[in-house]
Amino acid sequence: MHLRSVKKIRSEVSLYDPIGIDKEGDEINLLDVLGTHSDVVAELVENKSEQLRLLVKIKNLTHRERKVLELRFGLLDGTRKTQREIASILDISRSYVSRIEKKAIIKIIKEMGLNNEG
C-alpha cells in the first residue's frame, strides 16, 4: 500500500496524503478513511444506550405485547412485519394487533418518562 512505502521514507504522515484511488478514479486520502465527526460518535453511543434502555422496558410488557412489538419493529431479527402479517401469525384480527401495539407503546413511553405530562 502507498502509505506503508511512504512511511518507511519519512516519520510524519499528513491526513491529506493520498493513499489510493476510489472506484470513480478520485484520490483517497487518510482523512477520507479515518474516524468520523465527534457528533456522529456521540449520537451512535446515545442511540445504543437508548436501545438498551428500551429493551429492558420491553421485558416488562406482557408476552403478547412484547411479541407484537418484536414482530412489528423487527427487534429480534431486523425484519419488520405488517399488522396483517402479525395478525396471521398470532391468529388474531389486525385491529386487535393495532390495539395491542398502541397499548404497549403507551406503556413504554410512560415507563421511560418520555410523556410530556407534568
PDB file of N, CA and C in Angstrom:
ATOM      1  N   MET A   1       0.847  -1.177   0.000  1.00  0.00           N
ATOM      2  CA  MET A   1       0.000   0.000   0.000  1.00  0.00           C
ATOM      3  C   MET A   1       0.890   1.237   0.000  1.00  0.00           C
ATOM      4  N   HIS A   2       0.443   2.277  -0.599  1.00  0.00           N
ATOM      5  CA  HIS A   2       1.199   3.512  -0.737  1.00  0.00           C
ATOM      6  C   HIS A   2       1.626   4.069   0.621  1.00  0.00           C
ATOM      7  N   LEU A   3       0.746   4.011   1.592  1.00  0.00           N
ATOM      8  CA  LEU A   3       1.028   4.561   2.923  1.00  0.00           C
ATOM      9  C   LEU A   3       2.235   3.887   3.546  1.00  0.00           C
ATOM     10  N   ARG A   4       2.335   2.566   3.423  1.00  0.00           N
ATOM     11  CA  ARG A   4       3.466   1.845   4.021  1.00  0.00           C
ATOM     12  C   ARG A   4       4.781   2.243   3.367  1.00  0.00           C
ATOM     13  N   SER A   5       4.787   2.389   2.071  1.00  0.00           N
ATOM     14  CA  SER A   5       6.024   2.757   1.393  1.00  0.00           C
ATOM     15  C   SER A   5       6.442   4.179   1.748  1.00  0.00           C
ATOM     16  N   VAL A   6       5.506   5.077   1.877  1.00  0.00           N
ATOM     17  CA  VAL A   6       5.805   6.460   2.251  1.00  0.00           C
ATOM     18  C   VAL A   6       6.279   6.508   3.699  1.00  0.00           C
ATOM     19  N   LYS A   7       5.671   5.697   4.564  1.00  0.00           N
ATOM     20  CA  LYS A   7       6.003   5.709   5.985  1.00  0.00           C
ATOM     21  C   LYS A   7       7.450   5.279   6.218  1.00  0.00           C
ATOM     22  N   LYS A   8       7.969   4.381   5.391  1.00  0.00           N
ATOM     23  CA  LYS A   8       9.356   3.945   5.516  1.00  0.00           C
ATOM     24  C   LYS A   8      10.314   5.103   5.219  1.00  0.00           C
ATOM     25  N   ILE A   9       9.897   5.971   4.349  1.00  0.00           N
ATOM     26  CA  ILE A   9      10.751   7.077   3.921  1.00  0.00           C
ATOM     27  C   ILE A   9      10.755   8.214   4.931  1.00  0.00           C
ATOM     28  N   ARG A  10       9.584   8.535   5.516  1.00  0.00           N
ATOM     29  CA  ARG A  10       9.510   9.647   6.461  1.00  0.00           C
ATOM     30  C   ARG A  10       8.678   9.262   7.676  1.00  0.00           C
ATOM     31  N   SER A  11       8.865   9.980   8.776  1.00  0.00           N
ATOM     32  CA  SER A  11       8.173   9.621  10.008  1.00  0.00           C
ATOM     33  C   SER A  11       6.838  10.339  10.166  1.00  0.00           C
ATOM     34  N   GLU A  12       6.601  11.422   9.454  1.00  0.00           N
ATOM     35  CA  GLU A  12       5.347  12.154   9.556  1.00  0.00           C
ATOM     36  C   GLU A  12       4.445  11.834   8.374  1.00  0.00           C
ATOM     37  N   VAL A  13       3.152  11.714   8.670  1.00  0.00           N
ATOM     38  CA  VAL A  13       2.167  11.452   7.625  1.00  0.00           C
ATOM     39  C   VAL A  13       1.062  12.487   7.770  1.00  0.00           C
ATOM     40  N   SER A  14       0.700  13.108   6.671  1.00  0.00           N
ATOM     41  CA  SER A  14      -0.380  14.089   6.682  1.00  0.00           C
ATOM     42  C   SER A  14      -1.710  13.395   6.462  1.00  0.00           C
ATOM     43  N   LEU A  15      -2.764  13.937   7.092  1.00  0.00           N
ATOM     44  CA  LEU A  15      -4.101  13.409   6.868  1.00  0.00           C
ATOM     45  C   LEU A  15      -4.546  13.601   5.421  1.00  0.00           C
ATOM     46  N   TYR A  16      -3.877  14.491   4.718  1.00  0.00           N
ATOM     47  CA  TYR A  16      -4.243  14.784   3.343  1.00  0.00           C
ATOM     48  C   TYR A  16      -3.375  14.038   2.332  1.00  0.00           C
ATOM     49  N   ASP A  17      -2.459  13.186   2.806  1.00  0.00           N
ATOM     50  CA  ASP A  17      -1.632  12.389   1.904  1.00  0.00           C
ATOM     51  C   ASP A  17      -2.506  11.401   1.136  1.00  0.00           C
ATOM     52  N   PRO A  18      -2.287  11.295  -0.162  1.00  0.00           N
ATOM     53  CA  PRO A  18      -3.062  10.323  -0.936  1.00  0.00           C
ATOM     54  C   PRO A  18      -2.643   8.898  -0.574  1.00  0.00           C
ATOM     55  N   ILE A  19      -3.634   8.001  -0.482  1.00  0.00           N
ATOM     56  CA  ILE A  19      -3.322   6.600  -0.182  1.00  0.00           C
ATOM     57  C   ILE A  19      -3.890   5.654  -1.228  1.00  0.00           C
ATOM     58  N   GLY A  20      -4.581   6.188  -2.202  1.00  0.00           N
ATOM     59  CA  GLY A  20      -5.142   5.342  -3.244  1.00  0.00           C
ATOM     60  C   GLY A  20      -6.165   6.085  -4.075  1.00  0.00           C
ATOM     61  N   ILE A  21      -6.873   5.316  -4.875  1.00  0.00           N
ATOM     62  CA  ILE A  21      -7.884   5.881  -5.767  1.00  0.00           C
ATOM     63  C   ILE A  21      -9.161   5.062  -5.609  1.00  0.00           C
ATOM     64  N   ASP A  22     -10.327   5.757  -5.541  1.00  0.00           N
ATOM     65  CA  ASP A  22     -11.607   5.051  -5.395  1.00  0.00           C
ATOM     66  C   ASP A  22     -12.117   4.578  -6.753  1.00  0.00           C
ATOM     67  N   LYS A  23     -13.290   3.960  -6.764  1.00  0.00           N
ATOM     68  CA  LYS A  23     -13.874   3.385  -7.980  1.00  0.00           C
ATOM     69  C   LYS A  23     -14.104   4.416  -9.080  1.00  0.00           C
ATOM     70  N   GLU A  24     -14.372   5.663  -8.661  1.00  0.00           N
ATOM     71  CA  GLU A  24     -14.634   6.720  -9.637  1.00  0.00           C
ATOM     72  C   GLU A  24     -13.355   7.367 -10.147  1.00  0.00           C
ATOM     73  N   GLY A  25     -12.206   6.926  -9.639  1.00  0.00           N
ATOM     74  CA  GLY A  25     -10.937   7.500 -10.063  1.00  0.00           C
ATOM     75  C   GLY A  25     -10.497   8.691  -9.240  1.00  0.00           C
ATOM     76  N   ASP A  26     -11.239   9.009  -8.164  1.00  0.00           N
ATOM     77  CA  ASP A  26     -10.868  10.118  -7.306  1.00  0.00           C
ATOM     78  C   ASP A  26      -9.833   9.662  -6.291  1.00  0.00           C
ATOM     79  N   GLU A  27      -8.949  10.564  -5.961  1.00  0.00           N
ATOM     80  CA  GLU A  27      -7.909  10.266  -4.992  1.00  0.00           C
ATOM     81  C   GLU A  27      -8.497  10.131  -3.583  1.00  0.00           C
ATOM     82  N   ILE A  28      -8.045   9.152  -2.817  1.00  0.00           N
ATOM     83  CA  ILE A  28      -8.470   8.953  -1.432  1.00  0.00           C
ATOM     84  C   ILE A  28      -7.311   9.334  -0.540  1.00  0.00           C
ATOM     85  N   ASN A  29      -7.608  10.114   0.515  1.00  0.00           N
ATOM     86  CA  ASN A  29      -6.565  10.435   1.486  1.00  0.00           C
ATOM     87  C   ASN A  29      -6.939   9.872   2.852  1.00  0.00           C
ATOM     88  N   LEU A  30      -6.020   9.944   3.793  1.00  0.00           N
ATOM     89  CA  LEU A  30      -6.259   9.391   5.129  1.00  0.00           C
ATOM     90  C   LEU A  30      -7.503   9.962   5.788  1.00  0.00           C
ATOM     91  N   LEU A  31      -7.720  11.240   5.618  1.00  0.00           N
ATOM     92  CA  LEU A  31      -8.874  11.894   6.228  1.00  0.00           C
ATOM     93  C   LEU A  31     -10.186  11.257   5.757  1.00  0.00           C
ATOM     94  N   ASP A  32     -10.196  10.770   4.502  1.00  0.00           N
ATOM     95  CA  ASP A  32     -11.396  10.137   3.958  1.00  0.00           C
ATOM     96  C   ASP A  32     -11.726   8.813   4.644  1.00  0.00           C
ATOM     97  N   VAL A  33     -10.718   8.110   5.141  1.00  0.00           N
ATOM     98  CA  VAL A  33     -10.956   6.767   5.685  1.00  0.00           C
ATOM     99  C   VAL A  33     -10.842   6.677   7.199  1.00  0.00           C
ATOM    100  N   LEU A  34     -10.307   7.691   7.828  1.00  0.00           N
ATOM    101  CA  LEU A  34     -10.140   7.654   9.281  1.00  0.00           C
ATOM    102  C   LEU A  34     -11.298   8.309  10.004  1.00  0.00           C
ATOM    103  N   GLY A  35     -11.760   7.657  11.065  1.00  0.00           N
ATOM    104  CA  GLY A  35     -12.700   8.229  12.015  1.00  0.00           C
ATOM    105  C   GLY A  35     -13.933   8.888  11.439  1.00  0.00           C
ATOM    106  N   THR A  36     -14.683   9.507  12.341  1.00  0.00           N
ATOM    107  CA  THR A  36     -15.887  10.233  11.991  1.00  0.00           C
ATOM    108  C   THR A  36     -15.937  11.489  12.846  1.00  0.00           C
ATOM    109  N   HIS A  37     -16.875  12.335  12.574  1.00  0.00           N
ATOM    110  CA  HIS A  37     -17.062  13.520  13.395  1.00  0.00           C
ATOM    111  C   HIS A  37     -17.486  13.101  14.795  1.00  0.00           C
ATOM    112  N   SER A  38     -17.098  13.850  15.791  1.00  0.00           N
ATOM    113  CA  SER A  38     -17.437  13.501  17.174  1.00  0.00           C
ATOM    114  C   SER A  38     -18.949  13.480  17.394  1.00  0.00           C
ATOM    115  N   ASP A  39     -19.686  14.308  16.673  1.00  0.00           N
ATOM    116  CA  ASP A  39     -21.145  14.315  16.801  1.00  0.00           C
ATOM    117  C   ASP A  39     -21.743  12.965  16.399  1.00  0.00           C
ATOM    118  N   VAL A  40     -21.180  12.373  15.356  1.00  0.00           N
ATOM    119  CA  VAL A  40     -21.676  11.084  14.873  1.00  0.00           C
ATOM    120  C   VAL A  40     -21.420  10.006  15.923  1.00  0.00           C
ATOM    121  N   VAL A  41     -20.235  10.009  16.501  1.00  0.00           N
ATOM    122  CA  VAL A  41     -19.887   9.021  17.525  1.00  0.00           C
ATOM    123  C   VAL A  41     -20.786   9.192  18.749  1.00  0.00           C
ATOM    124  N   ALA A  42     -20.974  10.417  19.187  1.00  0.00           N
ATOM    125  CA  ALA A  42     -21.827  10.683  20.350  1.00  0.00           C
ATOM    126  C   ALA A  42     -23.254  10.225  20.082  1.00  0.00           C
ATOM    127  N   GLU A  43     -23.741  10.460  18.884  1.00  0.00           N
ATOM    128  CA  GLU A  43     -25.097  10.052  18.525  1.00  0.00           C
ATOM    129  C   GLU A  43     -25.220   8.526  18.523  1.00  0.00           C
ATOM    130  N   LEU A  44     -24.213   7.841  18.002  1.00  0.00           N
ATOM    131  CA  LEU A  44     -24.237   6.373  17.999  1.00  0.00           C
ATOM    132  C   LEU A  44     -24.256   5.814  19.412  1.00  0.00           C
ATOM    133  N   VAL A  45     -23.453   6.382  20.294  1.00  0.00           N
ATOM    134  CA  VAL A  45     -23.408   5.928  21.682  1.00  0.00           C
ATOM    135  C   VAL A  45     -24.750   6.179  22.365  1.00  0.00           C
ATOM    136  N   GLU A  46     -25.311   7.354  22.141  1.00  0.00           N
ATOM    137  CA  GLU A  46     -26.605   7.691  22.735  1.00  0.00           C
ATOM    138  C   GLU A  46     -27.706   6.765  22.227  1.00  0.00           C
ATOM    139  N   ASN A  47     -27.703   6.492  20.928  1.00  0.00           N
ATOM    140  CA  ASN A  47     -28.704   5.588  20.348  1.00  0.00           C
ATOM    141  C   ASN A  47     -28.583   4.189  20.932  1.00  0.00           C
ATOM    142  N   LYS A  48     -27.367   3.700  21.087  1.00  0.00           N
ATOM    143  CA  LYS A  48     -27.157   2.367  21.649  1.00  0.00           C
ATOM    144  C   LYS A  48     -27.648   2.321  23.092  1.00  0.00           C
ATOM    145  N   SER A  49     -27.381   3.370  23.839  1.00  0.00           N
ATOM    146  CA  SER A  49     -27.829   3.448  25.228  1.00  0.00           C
ATOM    147  C   SER A  49     -29.351   3.428  25.307  1.00  0.00           C
ATOM    148  N   GLU A  50     -30.011   4.189  24.436  1.00  0.00           N
ATOM    149  CA  GLU A  50     -31.472   4.230  24.407  1.00  0.00           C
ATOM    150  C   GLU A  50     -32.051   2.879  23.982  1.00  0.00           C
ATOM    151  N   GLN A  51     -31.387   2.202  23.057  1.00  0.00           N
ATOM    152  CA  GLN A  51     -31.852   0.880  22.633  1.00  0.00           C
ATOM    153  C   GLN A  51     -31.824  -0.098  23.801  1.00  0.00           C
ATOM    154  N   LEU A  52     -30.732  -0.084  24.557  1.00  0.00           N
ATOM    155  CA  LEU A  52     -30.621  -0.981  25.712  1.00  0.00           C
ATOM    156  C   LEU A  52     -31.688  -0.663  26.751  1.00  0.00           C
ATOM    157  N   ARG A  53     -31.912   0.611  26.979  1.00  0.00           N
ATOM    158  CA  ARG A  53     -32.951   1.048  27.922  1.00  0.00           C
ATOM    159  C   ARG A  53     -34.329   0.573  27.465  1.00  0.00           C
ATOM    160  N   LEU A  54     -34.581   0.682  26.174  1.00  0.00           N
ATOM    161  CA  LEU A  54     -35.850   0.252  25.601  1.00  0.00           C
ATOM    162  C   LEU A  54     -36.041  -1.260  25.748  1.00  0.00           C
ATOM    163  N   LEU A  55     -34.987  -2.027  25.490  1.00  0.00           N
ATOM    164  CA  LEU A  55     -35.086  -3.481  25.604  1.00  0.00           C
ATOM    165  C   LEU A  55     -35.416  -3.914  27.028  1.00  0.00           C
ATOM    166  N   VAL A  56     -34.889  -3.201  28.009  1.00  0.00           N
ATOM    167  CA  VAL A  56     -35.220  -3.503  29.407  1.00  0.00           C
ATOM    168  C   VAL A  56     -36.698  -3.259  29.660  1.00  0.00           C
ATOM    169  N   LYS A  57     -37.221  -2.156  29.150  1.00  0.00           N
ATOM    170  CA  LYS A  57     -38.634  -1.820  29.343  1.00  0.00           C
ATOM    171  C   LYS A  57     -39.550  -2.797  28.618  1.00  0.00           C
ATOM    172  N   ILE A  58     -39.132  -3.274  27.471  1.00  0.00           N
ATOM    173  CA  ILE A  58     -39.946  -4.220  26.704  1.00  0.00           C
ATOM    174  C   ILE A  58     -40.135  -5.516  27.489  1.00  0.00           C
ATOM    175  N   LYS A  59     -39.144  -5.881  28.287  1.00  0.00           N
ATOM    176  CA  LYS A  59     -39.249  -7.107  29.085  1.00  0.00           C
ATOM    177  C   LYS A  59     -40.360  -7.011  30.125  1.00  0.00           C
ATOM    178  N   ASN A  60     -40.796  -5.800  30.470  1.00  0.00           N
ATOM    179  CA  ASN A  60     -41.868  -5.605  31.445  1.00  0.00           C
ATOM    180  C   ASN A  60     -43.265  -5.735  30.837  1.00  0.00           C
ATOM    181  N   LEU A  61     -43.350  -5.858  29.520  1.00  0.00           N
ATOM    182  CA  LEU A  61     -44.641  -5.987  28.854  1.00  0.00           C
ATOM    183  C   LEU A  61     -45.159  -7.418  28.981  1.00  0.00           C
ATOM    184  N   THR A  62     -46.443  -7.601  28.685  1.00  0.00           N
ATOM    185  CA  THR A  62     -46.986  -8.954  28.648  1.00  0.00           C
ATOM    186  C   THR A  62     -46.356  -9.689  27.468  1.00  0.00           C
ATOM    187  N   HIS A  63     -46.451 -10.989  27.496  1.00  0.00           N
ATOM    188  CA  HIS A  63     -45.873 -11.799  26.420  1.00  0.00           C
ATOM    189  C   HIS A  63     -46.423 -11.370  25.054  1.00  0.00           C
ATOM    190  N   ARG A  64     -47.725 -11.184  24.968  1.00  0.00           N
ATOM    191  CA  ARG A  64     -48.353 -10.829  23.689  1.00  0.00           C
ATOM    192  C   ARG A  64     -47.916  -9.433  23.226  1.00  0.00           C
ATOM    193  N   GLU A  65     -47.862  -8.467  24.145  1.00  0.00           N
ATOM    194  CA  GLU A  65     -47.416  -7.111  23.784  1.00  0.00           C
ATOM    195  C   GLU A  65     -45.975  -7.144  23.272  1.00  0.00           C
ATOM    196  N   ARG A  66     -45.136  -7.880  23.984  1.00  0.00           N
ATOM    197  CA  ARG A  66     -43.721  -7.986  23.605  1.00  0.00           C
ATOM    198  C   ARG A  66     -43.603  -8.629  22.222  1.00  0.00           C
ATOM    199  N   LYS A  67     -44.348  -9.689  21.993  1.00  0.00           N
ATOM    200  CA  LYS A  67     -44.309 -10.400  20.709  1.00  0.00           C
ATOM    201  C   LYS A  67     -44.743  -9.485  19.559  1.00  0.00           C
ATOM    202  N   VAL A  68     -45.822  -8.727  19.770  1.00  0.00           N
ATOM    203  CA  VAL A  68     -46.302  -7.811  18.731  1.00  0.00           C
ATOM    204  C   VAL A  68     -45.221  -6.778  18.404  1.00  0.00           C
ATOM    205  N   LEU A  69     -44.601  -6.177  19.412  1.00  0.00           N
ATOM    206  CA  LEU A  69     -43.570  -5.165  19.152  1.00  0.00           C
ATOM    207  C   LEU A  69     -42.330  -5.774  18.515  1.00  0.00           C
ATOM    208  N   GLU A  70     -41.945  -6.968  18.948  1.00  0.00           N
ATOM    209  CA  GLU A  70     -40.784  -7.638  18.347  1.00  0.00           C
ATOM    210  C   GLU A  70     -41.013  -7.884  16.863  1.00  0.00           C
ATOM    211  N   LEU A  71     -42.200  -8.345  16.522  1.00  0.00           N
ATOM    212  CA  LEU A  71     -42.519  -8.609  15.115  1.00  0.00           C
ATOM    213  C   LEU A  71     -42.706  -7.319  14.320  1.00  0.00           C
ATOM    214  N   ARG A  72     -43.405  -6.378  14.905  1.00  0.00           N
ATOM    215  CA  ARG A  72     -43.747  -5.129  14.204  1.00  0.00           C
ATOM    216  C   ARG A  72     -42.504  -4.304  13.874  1.00  0.00           C
ATOM    217  N   PHE A  73     -41.554  -4.250  14.814  1.00  0.00           N
ATOM    218  CA  PHE A  73     -40.381  -3.397  14.628  1.00  0.00           C
ATOM    219  C   PHE A  73     -39.090  -4.176  14.372  1.00  0.00           C
ATOM    220  N   GLY A  74     -39.202  -5.490  14.173  1.00  0.00           N
ATOM    221  CA  GLY A  74     -38.030  -6.296  13.826  1.00  0.00           C
ATOM    222  C   GLY A  74     -36.978  -6.341  14.912  1.00  0.00           C
ATOM    223  N   LEU A  75     -37.408  -6.368  16.167  1.00  0.00           N
ATOM    224  CA  LEU A  75     -36.459  -6.298  17.279  1.00  0.00           C
ATOM    225  C   LEU A  75     -35.602  -7.555  17.414  1.00  0.00           C
ATOM    226  N   LEU A  76     -36.063  -8.669  16.913  1.00  0.00           N
ATOM    227  CA  LEU A  76     -35.302  -9.910  17.048  1.00  0.00           C
ATOM    228  C   LEU A  76     -34.348 -10.146  15.883  1.00  0.00           C
ATOM    229  N   ASP A  77     -34.841  -9.942  14.671  1.00  0.00           N
ATOM    230  CA  ASP A  77     -34.015 -10.265  13.501  1.00  0.00           C
ATOM    231  C   ASP A  77     -33.904  -9.131  12.484  1.00  0.00           C
ATOM    232  N   GLY A  78     -34.449  -7.970  12.811  1.00  0.00           N
ATOM    233  CA  GLY A  78     -34.374  -6.831  11.897  1.00  0.00           C
ATOM    234  C   GLY A  78     -35.445  -6.838  10.813  1.00  0.00           C
ATOM    235  N   THR A  79     -36.288  -7.874  10.786  1.00  0.00           N
ATOM    236  CA  THR A  79     -37.343  -7.969   9.784  1.00  0.00           C
ATOM    237  C   THR A  79     -38.652  -7.459  10.365  1.00  0.00           C
ATOM    238  N   ARG A  80     -39.135  -6.349   9.811  1.00  0.00           N
ATOM    239  CA  ARG A  80     -40.400  -5.760  10.275  1.00  0.00           C
ATOM    240  C   ARG A  80     -41.567  -6.448   9.591  1.00  0.00           C
ATOM    241  N   LYS A  81     -42.642  -6.626  10.337  1.00  0.00           N
ATOM    242  CA  LYS A  81     -43.846  -7.247   9.797  1.00  0.00           C
ATOM    243  C   LYS A  81     -44.997  -6.252   9.865  1.00  0.00           C
ATOM    244  N   THR A  82     -45.932  -6.414   8.942  1.00  0.00           N
ATOM    245  CA  THR A  82     -47.124  -5.568   8.957  1.00  0.00           C
ATOM    246  C   THR A  82     -48.086  -6.079  10.022  1.00  0.00           C
ATOM    247  N   GLN A  83     -49.045  -5.248  10.370  1.00  0.00           N
ATOM    248  CA  GLN A  83     -50.057  -5.677  11.336  1.00  0.00           C
ATOM    249  C   GLN A  83     -50.825  -6.878  10.796  1.00  0.00           C
ATOM    250  N   ARG A  84     -51.067  -6.903   9.521  1.00  0.00           N
ATOM    251  CA  ARG A  84     -51.781  -8.021   8.895  1.00  0.00           C
ATOM    252  C   ARG A  84     -50.968  -9.321   9.019  1.00  0.00           C
ATOM    253  N   GLU A  85     -49.669  -9.242   8.795  1.00  0.00           N
ATOM    254  CA  GLU A  85     -48.811 -10.426   8.932  1.00  0.00           C
ATOM    255  C   GLU A  85     -48.782 -10.921  10.376  1.00  0.00           C
ATOM    256  N   ILE A  86     -48.694  -9.986  11.308  1.00  0.00           N
ATOM    257  CA  ILE A  86     -48.675 -10.343  12.732  1.00  0.00           C
ATOM    258  C   ILE A  86     -49.998 -10.983  13.128  1.00  0.00           C
ATOM    259  N   ALA A  87     -51.098 -10.434  12.635  1.00  0.00           N
ATOM    260  CA  ALA A  87     -52.419 -10.991  12.926  1.00  0.00           C
ATOM    261  C   ALA A  87     -52.497 -12.441  12.458  1.00  0.00           C
ATOM    262  N   SER A  88     -51.941 -12.708  11.309  1.00  0.00           N
ATOM    263  CA  SER A  88     -51.952 -14.068  10.774  1.00  0.00           C
ATOM    264  C   SER A  88     -51.090 -14.997  11.629  1.00  0.00           C
ATOM    265  N   ILE A  89     -49.926 -14.535  12.032  1.00  0.00           N
ATOM    266  CA  ILE A  89     -49.019 -15.335  12.864  1.00  0.00           C
ATOM    267  C   ILE A  89     -49.651 -15.656  14.210  1.00  0.00           C
ATOM    268  N   LEU A  90     -50.263 -14.650  14.845  1.00  0.00           N
ATOM    269  CA  LEU A  90     -50.827 -14.826  16.183  1.00  0.00           C
ATOM    270  C   LEU A  90     -52.282 -15.297  16.163  1.00  0.00           C
ATOM    271  N   ASP A  91     -52.835 -15.416  14.968  1.00  0.00           N
ATOM    272  CA  ASP A  91     -54.224 -15.846  14.789  1.00  0.00           C
ATOM    273  C   ASP A  91     -55.206 -14.943  15.546  1.00  0.00           C
ATOM    274  N   ILE A  92     -55.030 -13.632  15.332  1.00  0.00           N
ATOM    275  CA  ILE A  92     -55.924 -12.619  15.888  1.00  0.00           C
ATOM    276  C   ILE A  92     -56.240 -11.618  14.777  1.00  0.00           C
ATOM    277  N   SER A  93     -57.157 -10.698  15.031  1.00  0.00           N
ATOM    278  CA  SER A  93     -57.504  -9.716  13.990  1.00  0.00           C
ATOM    279  C   SER A  93     -56.440  -8.624  13.894  1.00  0.00           C
ATOM    280  N   ARG A  94     -56.377  -7.992  12.733  1.00  0.00           N
ATOM    281  CA  ARG A  94     -55.439  -6.899  12.521  1.00  0.00           C
ATOM    282  C   ARG A  94     -55.744  -5.743  13.467  1.00  0.00           C
ATOM    283  N   SER A  95     -57.001  -5.463  13.695  1.00  0.00           N
ATOM    284  CA  SER A  95     -57.368  -4.363  14.587  1.00  0.00           C
ATOM    285  C   SER A  95     -56.940  -4.662  16.028  1.00  0.00           C
ATOM    286  N   TYR A  96     -56.973  -5.940  16.421  1.00  0.00           N
ATOM    287  CA  TYR A  96     -56.515  -6.310  17.757  1.00  0.00           C
ATOM    288  C   TYR A  96     -54.999  -6.126  17.866  1.00  0.00           C
ATOM    289  N   VAL A  97     -54.270  -6.444  16.801  1.00  0.00           N
ATOM    290  CA  VAL A  97     -52.822  -6.206  16.765  1.00  0.00           C
ATOM    291  C   VAL A  97     -52.558  -4.718  16.958  1.00  0.00           C
ATOM    292  N   SER A  98     -53.342  -3.889  16.268  1.00  0.00           N
ATOM    293  CA  SER A  98     -53.195  -2.441  16.374  1.00  0.00           C
ATOM    294  C   SER A  98     -53.411  -1.959  17.805  1.00  0.00           C
ATOM    295  N   ARG A  99     -54.431  -2.474  18.454  1.00  0.00           N
ATOM    296  CA  ARG A  99     -54.710  -2.076  19.842  1.00  0.00           C
ATOM    297  C   ARG A  99     -53.605  -2.526  20.786  1.00  0.00           C
ATOM    298  N   ILE A 100     -53.108  -3.748  20.600  1.00  0.00           N
ATOM    299  CA  ILE A 100     -52.017  -4.263  21.439  1.00  0.00           C
ATOM    300  C   ILE A 100     -50.772  -3.410  21.247  1.00  0.00           C
ATOM    301  N   GLU A 101     -50.471  -3.106  19.992  1.00  0.00           N
ATOM    302  CA  GLU A 101     -49.289  -2.288  19.673  1.00  0.00           C
ATOM    303  C   GLU A 101     -49.380  -0.914  20.343  1.00  0.00           C
ATOM    304  N   LYS A 102     -50.511  -0.270  20.199  1.00  0.00           N
ATOM    305  CA  LYS A 102     -50.703   1.066  20.769  1.00  0.00           C
ATOM    306  C   LYS A 102     -50.575   1.031  22.290  1.00  0.00           C
ATOM    307  N   LYS A 103     -51.209   0.056  22.920  1.00  0.00           N
ATOM    308  CA  LYS A 103     -51.164  -0.075  24.375  1.00  0.00           C
ATOM    309  C   LYS A 103     -49.724  -0.306  24.856  1.00  0.00           C
ATOM    310  N   ALA A 104     -48.997  -1.155  24.156  1.00  0.00           N
ATOM    311  CA  ALA A 104     -47.613  -1.466  24.529  1.00  0.00           C
ATOM    312  C   ALA A 104     -46.716  -0.230  24.388  1.00  0.00           C
ATOM    313  N   ILE A 105     -46.903   0.505  23.319  1.00  0.00           N
ATOM    314  CA  ILE A 105     -46.087   1.712  23.102  1.00  0.00           C
ATOM    315  C   ILE A 105     -46.378   2.753  24.177  1.00  0.00           C
ATOM    316  N   ILE A 106     -47.643   2.919  24.541  1.00  0.00           N
ATOM    317  CA  ILE A 106     -48.002   3.871  25.605  1.00  0.00           C
ATOM    318  C   ILE A 106     -47.355   3.458  26.929  1.00  0.00           C
ATOM    319  N   LYS A 107     -47.364   2.155  27.228  1.00  0.00           N
ATOM    320  CA  LYS A 107     -46.721   1.663  28.455  1.00  0.00           C
ATOM    321  C   LYS A 107     -45.229   2.004  28.473  1.00  0.00           C
ATOM    322  N   ILE A 108     -44.576   1.762  27.343  1.00  0.00           N
ATOM    323  CA  ILE A 108     -43.131   2.025  27.260  1.00  0.00           C
ATOM    324  C   ILE A 108     -42.844   3.510  27.396  1.00  0.00           C
ATOM    325  N   ILE A 109     -43.629   4.331  26.734  1.00  0.00           N
ATOM    326  CA  ILE A 109     -43.440   5.780  26.824  1.00  0.00           C
ATOM    327  C   ILE A 109     -43.548   6.240  28.273  1.00  0.00           C
ATOM    328  N   LYS A 110     -44.547   5.745  28.988  1.00  0.00           N
ATOM    329  CA  LYS A 110     -44.718   6.116  30.398  1.00  0.00           C
ATOM    330  C   LYS A 110     -43.552   5.624  31.244  1.00  0.00           C
ATOM    331  N   GLU A 111     -43.137   4.379  31.028  1.00  0.00           N
ATOM    332  CA  GLU A 111     -42.037   3.822  31.819  1.00  0.00           C
ATOM    333  C   GLU A 111     -40.711   4.523  31.562  1.00  0.00           C
ATOM    334  N   MET A 112     -40.505   4.983  30.347  1.00  0.00           N
ATOM    335  CA  MET A 112     -39.255   5.652  30.012  1.00  0.00           C
ATOM    336  C   MET A 112     -39.296   7.138  30.348  1.00  0.00           C
ATOM    337  N   GLY A 113     -40.465   7.601  30.805  1.00  0.00           N
ATOM    338  CA  GLY A 113     -40.583   9.007  31.166  1.00  0.00           C
ATOM    339  C   GLY A 113     -40.552   9.928  29.980  1.00  0.00           C
ATOM    340  N   LEU A 114     -41.033   9.458  28.837  1.00  0.00           N
ATOM    341  CA  LEU A 114     -40.995  10.271  27.609  1.00  0.00           C
ATOM    342  C   LEU A 114     -42.266  11.064  27.393  1.00  0.00           C
ATOM    343  N   ASN A 115     -43.297  10.798  28.214  1.00  0.00           N
ATOM    344  CA  ASN A 115     -44.535  11.564  28.013  1.00  0.00           C
ATOM    345  C   ASN A 115     -44.329  12.983  28.518  1.00  0.00           C
ATOM    346  N   ASN A 116     -45.032  13.907  27.935  1.00  0.00           N
ATOM    347  CA  ASN A 116     -44.850  15.319  28.260  1.00  0.00           C
ATOM    348  C   ASN A 116     -45.757  15.788  29.386  1.00  0.00           C
ATOM    349  N   GLU A 117     -46.319  14.861  30.109  1.00  0.00           N
ATOM    350  CA  GLU A 117     -47.192  15.256  31.199  1.00  0.00           C
ATOM    351  C   GLU A 117     -46.358  15.671  32.401  1.00  0.00           C
ATOM    352  N   GLY A 118     -46.879  16.629  33.198  1.00  0.00           N
ATOM    353  CA  GLY A 118     -46.166  17.163  34.347  1.00  0.00           C
ATOM    354  C   GLY A 118     -46.030  16.172  35.403  1.00  0.00           C
TER     355      GLY A 118
END
